[in-house]
Amino acid sequence: AHRYVFRVYALDVDSLGRPGLSQQEVEGAMRGHILAKGQLMAKYQRATAAASR
């Protein structure tokens, strides 16, 4: 099974700068600009052959 975590942020700026920023650079650029945030966690597992019949 795979676990996915989706995080969304509402910011008070249109852009965080140049494309290609690292995760640390994005997090630093967002600091002080987050208006709201949300998170969704999901799991996915491929159906077994017996379960798909």
N, C-alpha and C. Protein backbone atom coordinates (compact mmCIF):
# COMPACT_ATOMS: atom_id res chain seq x y z
N ALA A 1 0.84 -1.18 0.00
CA ALA A 1 0.00 0.00 0.00
C ALA A 1 0.89 1.25 0.00
N HIS A 2 0.39 2.27 -0.62
CA HIS A 2 1.10 3.55 -0.67
C HIS A 2 0.29 4.58 0.10
N ARG A 3 0.98 5.45 0.79
CA ARG A 3 0.31 6.54 1.52
C ARG A 3 0.69 7.85 0.85
N TYR A 4 -0.31 8.66 0.59
CA TYR A 4 -0.11 9.96 -0.04
C TYR A 4 -0.57 11.05 0.91
N VAL A 5 0.20 12.13 0.99
CA VAL A 5 -0.17 13.28 1.80
C VAL A 5 -0.18 14.50 0.89
N PHE A 6 -1.33 15.14 0.76
CA PHE A 6 -1.47 16.33 -0.06
C PHE A 6 -1.64 17.52 0.88
N ARG A 7 -0.80 18.52 0.71
CA ARG A 7 -0.90 19.74 1.52
C ARG A 7 -1.17 20.91 0.59
N VAL A 8 -2.14 21.74 0.96
CA VAL A 8 -2.46 22.94 0.18
C VAL A 8 -2.35 24.16 1.09
N TYR A 9 -1.91 25.26 0.50
CA TYR A 9 -1.70 26.49 1.26
C TYR A 9 -2.34 27.65 0.52
N ALA A 10 -3.01 28.53 1.24
CA ALA A 10 -3.49 29.80 0.71
C ALA A 10 -2.47 30.85 1.15
N LEU A 11 -1.88 31.53 0.18
CA LEU A 11 -0.83 32.51 0.47
C LEU A 11 -1.29 33.91 0.12
N ASP A 12 -0.66 34.90 0.71
CA ASP A 12 -0.99 36.29 0.41
C ASP A 12 -0.05 36.89 -0.65
N VAL A 13 0.63 36.02 -1.40
CA VAL A 13 1.51 36.46 -2.49
C VAL A 13 1.18 35.64 -3.73
N ASP A 14 1.43 36.20 -4.91
CA ASP A 14 1.15 35.51 -6.17
C ASP A 14 2.26 34.53 -6.55
N SER A 15 3.48 34.80 -6.13
CA SER A 15 4.62 33.98 -6.54
C SER A 15 5.62 33.90 -5.40
N LEU A 16 6.32 32.78 -5.34
CA LEU A 16 7.37 32.61 -4.33
C LEU A 16 8.75 32.86 -4.91
N GLY A 17 8.81 33.24 -6.16
CA GLY A 17 10.11 33.50 -6.79
C GLY A 17 10.30 32.65 -8.03
N ARG A 18 11.53 32.36 -8.29
CA ARG A 18 11.88 31.64 -9.51
C ARG A 18 11.44 30.18 -9.46
N PRO A 19 11.20 29.58 -10.62
CA PRO A 19 10.88 28.14 -10.67
C PRO A 19 12.09 27.31 -10.25
N GLY A 20 11.84 26.11 -9.79
CA GLY A 20 12.92 25.19 -9.45
C GLY A 20 13.46 25.32 -8.05
N LEU A 21 12.72 25.97 -7.16
CA LEU A 21 13.16 26.10 -5.77
C LEU A 21 13.14 24.74 -5.09
N SER A 22 14.05 24.53 -4.15
CA SER A 22 14.04 23.31 -3.36
C SER A 22 12.90 23.37 -2.35
N GLN A 23 12.59 22.25 -1.73
CA GLN A 23 11.54 22.23 -0.72
C GLN A 23 11.86 23.20 0.42
N GLN A 24 13.11 23.23 0.85
CA GLN A 24 13.50 24.15 1.93
C GLN A 24 13.33 25.60 1.51
N GLU A 25 13.67 25.92 0.27
CA GLU A 25 13.52 27.30 -0.22
C GLU A 25 12.05 27.70 -0.30
N VAL A 26 11.20 26.78 -0.75
CA VAL A 26 9.75 27.05 -0.82
C VAL A 26 9.20 27.29 0.58
N GLU A 27 9.54 26.40 1.52
CA GLU A 27 9.05 26.56 2.89
C GLU A 27 9.52 27.87 3.49
N GLY A 28 10.75 28.26 3.23
CA GLY A 28 11.26 29.53 3.73
C GLY A 28 10.55 30.72 3.11
N ALA A 29 10.28 30.65 1.80
CA ALA A 29 9.60 31.74 1.11
C ALA A 29 8.15 31.87 1.56
N MET A 30 7.52 30.75 1.96
CA MET A 30 6.13 30.79 2.41
C MET A 30 6.00 31.35 3.82
N ARG A 31 7.06 31.25 4.61
CA ARG A 31 7.01 31.69 6.01
C ARG A 31 6.51 33.13 6.10
N GLY A 32 5.48 33.33 6.89
CA GLY A 32 4.92 34.67 7.06
C GLY A 32 3.85 35.03 6.04
N HIS A 33 3.60 34.15 5.06
CA HIS A 33 2.63 34.45 4.01
C HIS A 33 1.45 33.47 3.98
N ILE A 34 1.38 32.53 4.91
CA ILE A 34 0.33 31.51 4.91
C ILE A 34 -0.93 32.07 5.56
N LEU A 35 -2.02 32.12 4.79
CA LEU A 35 -3.32 32.58 5.30
C LEU A 35 -4.14 31.41 5.85
N ALA A 36 -4.05 30.26 5.18
CA ALA A 36 -4.78 29.06 5.60
C ALA A 36 -4.08 27.86 5.00
N LYS A 37 -4.33 26.69 5.59
CA LYS A 37 -3.74 25.47 5.04
C LYS A 37 -4.64 24.29 5.31
N GLY A 38 -4.48 23.26 4.50
CA GLY A 38 -5.26 22.04 4.65
C GLY A 38 -4.41 20.84 4.29
N GLN A 39 -4.86 19.67 4.72
CA GLN A 39 -4.11 18.45 4.45
C GLN A 39 -5.08 17.31 4.22
N LEU A 40 -4.76 16.46 3.25
CA LEU A 40 -5.53 15.26 2.96
C LEU A 40 -4.57 14.09 2.93
N MET A 41 -4.87 13.04 3.69
CA MET A 41 -4.06 11.83 3.66
C MET A 41 -4.88 10.72 3.04
N ALA A 42 -4.26 9.96 2.14
CA ALA A 42 -4.97 8.88 1.46
C ALA A 42 -4.05 7.68 1.33
N LYS A 43 -4.64 6.50 1.30
CA LYS A 43 -3.90 5.26 1.07
C LYS A 43 -4.41 4.64 -0.22
N TYR A 44 -3.51 4.02 -0.94
CA TYR A 44 -3.90 3.31 -2.16
C TYR A 44 -3.26 1.94 -2.12
N GLN A 45 -4.06 0.94 -2.42
CA GLN A 45 -3.53 -0.41 -2.53
C GLN A 45 -4.19 -1.07 -3.72
N ARG A 46 -3.38 -1.66 -4.56
CA ARG A 46 -3.91 -2.34 -5.74
C ARG A 46 -4.76 -3.52 -5.28
N ALA A 47 -5.90 -3.71 -5.93
CA ALA A 47 -6.79 -4.81 -5.58
C ALA A 47 -6.12 -6.14 -5.90
N THR A 48 -6.34 -7.13 -5.04
CA THR A 48 -5.80 -8.46 -5.30
C THR A 48 -6.63 -9.13 -6.38
N ALA A 49 -6.10 -10.16 -7.00
CA ALA A 49 -6.80 -10.86 -8.07
C ALA A 49 -8.13 -11.44 -7.58
N ALA A 50 -8.16 -11.99 -6.36
CA ALA A 50 -9.38 -12.57 -5.81
C ALA A 50 -10.43 -11.50 -5.54
N ALA A 51 -10.02 -10.33 -5.11
CA ALA A 51 -10.97 -9.26 -4.78
C ALA A 51 -11.55 -8.62 -6.02
N SER A 52 -10.86 -8.69 -7.15
CA SER A 52 -11.35 -8.02 -8.35
C SER A 52 -12.29 -8.88 -9.17
N ARG A 53 -12.55 -10.10 -8.74
CA ARG A 53 -13.47 -10.99 -9.50
C ARG A 53 -14.89 -10.76 -9.13
